[in-house]
Amino acid sequence: MKKKAIFILFVLVFTFAVSPKVNAQCSMCTINAEQGVKNGNTQTAGLNTGVLYLLSIPYLMAVIVGVVWYKKYRKKNIHLNMKKEPFNLN
């Protein structure tokens, strides 16, 4: 289990450490941002970051739900001392 956790942590760190520059904007937003920056407008500088932020939120929520589900419903090693007598569940 420890090796698996270390491997997953390594993959996550490597995934976020080596990330290419991403431009996640539609063509209209790109043109408006470029024209705004050329004209001295500083409000459009964070547009790409905002789009990437909005894109990442659903994936982050899915990961959180998955981790909570895994932690809550995973099998636990429980030993029950029951007598060797047959019993009915009716």
C-alpha atoms as a PDB file:
ATOM      1  CA  MET A   1       0.000   0.000   0.000  1.00  0.00           C
ATOM      2  CA  LYS A   2       2.864   2.360   0.810  1.00  0.00           C
ATOM      3  CA  LYS A   3       4.478   1.832  -2.604  1.00  0.00           C
ATOM      4  CA  LYS A   4       1.163   2.531  -4.323  1.00  0.00           C
ATOM      5  CA  ALA A   5       0.701   5.789  -2.396  1.00  0.00           C
ATOM      6  CA  ILE A   6       4.240   6.899  -3.211  1.00  0.00           C
ATOM      7  CA  PHE A   7       3.684   6.097  -6.899  1.00  0.00           C
ATOM      8  CA  ILE A   8       0.419   8.077  -7.008  1.00  0.00           C
ATOM      9  CA  LEU A   9       2.056  11.009  -5.236  1.00  0.00           C
ATOM     10  CA  PHE A  10       4.973  10.914  -7.699  1.00  0.00           C
ATOM     11  CA  VAL A  11       2.599  10.900 -10.677  1.00  0.00           C
ATOM     12  CA  LEU A  12       0.618  13.850  -9.288  1.00  0.00           C
ATOM     13  CA  VAL A  13       3.732  15.888  -8.528  1.00  0.00           C
ATOM     14  CA  PHE A  14       5.211  15.119 -11.953  1.00  0.00           C
ATOM     15  CA  THR A  15       1.926  15.992 -13.680  1.00  0.00           C
ATOM     16  CA  PHE A  16       1.673  19.400 -12.043  1.00  0.00           C
ATOM     17  CA  ALA A  17       5.409  20.173 -12.133  1.00  0.00           C
ATOM     18  CA  VAL A  18       5.781  19.680 -15.886  1.00  0.00           C
ATOM     19  CA  SER A  19       2.935  21.534 -17.505  1.00  0.00           C
ATOM     20  CA  PRO A  20       3.096  23.211 -20.890  1.00  0.00           C
ATOM     21  CA  LYS A  21       1.736  26.675 -21.467  1.00  0.00           C
ATOM     22  CA  VAL A  22      -1.949  26.258 -22.256  1.00  0.00           C
ATOM     23  CA  ASN A  23      -4.180  28.794 -23.984  1.00  0.00           C
ATOM     24  CA  ALA A  24      -7.751  27.793 -23.244  1.00  0.00           C
ATOM     25  CA  GLN A  25      -9.757  30.567 -24.842  1.00  0.00           C
ATOM     26  CA  CYS A  26     -12.217  30.775 -27.651  1.00  0.00           C
ATOM     27  CA  SER A  27     -11.185  32.808 -30.676  1.00  0.00           C
ATOM     28  CA  MET A  28     -13.370  35.787 -29.743  1.00  0.00           C
ATOM     29  CA  CYS A  29     -11.954  35.933 -26.211  1.00  0.00           C
ATOM     30  CA  THR A  30      -8.411  35.673 -27.581  1.00  0.00           C
ATOM     31  CA  ILE A  31      -8.914  38.566 -30.000  1.00  0.00           C
ATOM     32  CA  ASN A  32     -10.498  40.753 -27.307  1.00  0.00           C
ATOM     33  CA  ALA A  33      -7.705  39.956 -24.848  1.00  0.00           C
ATOM     34  CA  GLU A  34      -4.973  40.685 -27.395  1.00  0.00           C
ATOM     35  CA  GLN A  35      -6.572  43.955 -28.458  1.00  0.00           C
ATOM     36  CA  GLY A  36      -7.113  44.960 -24.841  1.00  0.00           C
ATOM     37  CA  VAL A  37      -3.480  44.339 -23.922  1.00  0.00           C
ATOM     38  CA  LYS A  38      -2.249  46.250 -26.990  1.00  0.00           C
ATOM     39  CA  ASN A  39      -4.403  49.228 -26.015  1.00  0.00           C
ATOM     40  CA  GLY A  40      -3.071  49.305 -22.448  1.00  0.00           C
ATOM     41  CA  ASN A  41      -5.963  47.506 -20.732  1.00  0.00           C
ATOM     42  CA  THR A  42      -4.722  45.426 -17.775  1.00  0.00           C
ATOM     43  CA  GLN A  43      -8.046  43.732 -16.957  1.00  0.00           C
ATOM     44  CA  THR A  44      -7.677  41.184 -19.752  1.00  0.00           C
ATOM     45  CA  ALA A  45      -4.286  39.935 -18.526  1.00  0.00           C
ATOM     46  CA  GLY A  46      -5.860  37.313 -16.227  1.00  0.00           C
ATOM     47  CA  LEU A  47      -8.462  36.047 -18.692  1.00  0.00           C
ATOM     48  CA  ASN A  48      -6.566  32.872 -19.613  1.00  0.00           C
ATOM     49  CA  THR A  49      -5.931  32.067 -15.957  1.00  0.00           C
ATOM     50  CA  GLY A  50      -9.612  32.525 -15.176  1.00  0.00           C
ATOM     51  CA  VAL A  51     -10.656  30.176 -17.958  1.00  0.00           C
ATOM     52  CA  LEU A  52      -8.224  27.502 -16.773  1.00  0.00           C
ATOM     53  CA  TYR A  53      -9.450  27.954 -13.194  1.00  0.00           C
ATOM     54  CA  LEU A  54     -13.053  27.423 -14.253  1.00  0.00           C
ATOM     55  CA  LEU A  55     -12.007  24.380 -16.281  1.00  0.00           C
ATOM     56  CA  SER A  56     -10.189  22.712 -13.380  1.00  0.00           C
ATOM     57  CA  ILE A  57     -12.912  23.048 -10.708  1.00  0.00           C
ATOM     58  CA  PRO A  58     -15.152  20.146 -11.915  1.00  0.00           C
ATOM     59  CA  TYR A  59     -12.170  17.794 -12.139  1.00  0.00           C
ATOM     60  CA  LEU A  60     -10.990  18.793  -8.680  1.00  0.00           C
ATOM     61  CA  MET A  61     -14.470  18.186  -7.252  1.00  0.00           C
ATOM     62  CA  ALA A  62     -14.608  14.736  -8.909  1.00  0.00           C
ATOM     63  CA  VAL A  63     -11.246  13.810  -7.354  1.00  0.00           C
ATOM     64  CA  ILE A  64     -12.407  14.945  -3.906  1.00  0.00           C
ATOM     65  CA  VAL A  65     -15.641  12.936  -4.168  1.00  0.00           C
ATOM     66  CA  GLY A  66     -13.667   9.891  -5.325  1.00  0.00           C
ATOM     67  CA  VAL A  67     -11.231  10.098  -2.410  1.00  0.00           C
ATOM     68  CA  VAL A  68     -14.055  10.510   0.124  1.00  0.00           C
ATOM     69  CA  TRP A  69     -15.946   7.585  -1.416  1.00  0.00           C
ATOM     70  CA  TYR A  70     -12.840   5.393  -1.343  1.00  0.00           C
ATOM     71  CA  LYS A  71     -12.061   6.244   2.272  1.00  0.00           C
ATOM     72  CA  LYS A  72     -15.651   5.631   3.407  1.00  0.00           C
ATOM     73  CA  TYR A  73     -16.457   2.399   1.575  1.00  0.00           C
ATOM     74  CA  ARG A  74     -13.180   0.492   1.359  1.00  0.00           C
ATOM     75  CA  LYS A  75     -12.981  -2.945   2.972  1.00  0.00           C
ATOM     76  CA  LYS A  76     -11.693  -3.103   6.473  1.00  0.00           C
ATOM     77  CA  ASN A  77     -10.011  -6.177   7.953  1.00  0.00           C
ATOM     78  CA  ILE A  78     -12.408  -7.099  10.733  1.00  0.00           C
ATOM     79  CA  HIS A  79     -12.320 -10.457  12.475  1.00  0.00           C
ATOM     80  CA  LEU A  80     -15.642 -11.607  13.924  1.00  0.00           C
ATOM     81  CA  ASN A  81     -15.748 -14.348  16.527  1.00  0.00           C
ATOM     82  CA  MET A  82     -19.001 -16.096  15.685  1.00  0.00           C
ATOM     83  CA  LYS A  83     -20.130 -19.499  16.820  1.00  0.00           C
ATOM     84  CA  LYS A  84     -20.177 -22.272  14.250  1.00  0.00           C
ATOM     85  CA  GLU A  85     -23.967 -22.659  14.506  1.00  0.00           C
ATOM     86  CA  PRO A  86     -26.307 -22.257  11.537  1.00  0.00           C
ATOM     87  CA  PHE A  87     -28.643 -19.304  11.726  1.00  0.00           C
ATOM     88  CA  ASN A  88     -31.558 -18.039   9.643  1.00  0.00           C
ATOM     89  CA  LEU A  89     -31.796 -14.547   8.253  1.00  0.00           C
ATOM     90  CA  ASN A  90     -35.597 -14.690   7.742  1.00  0.00           C
END
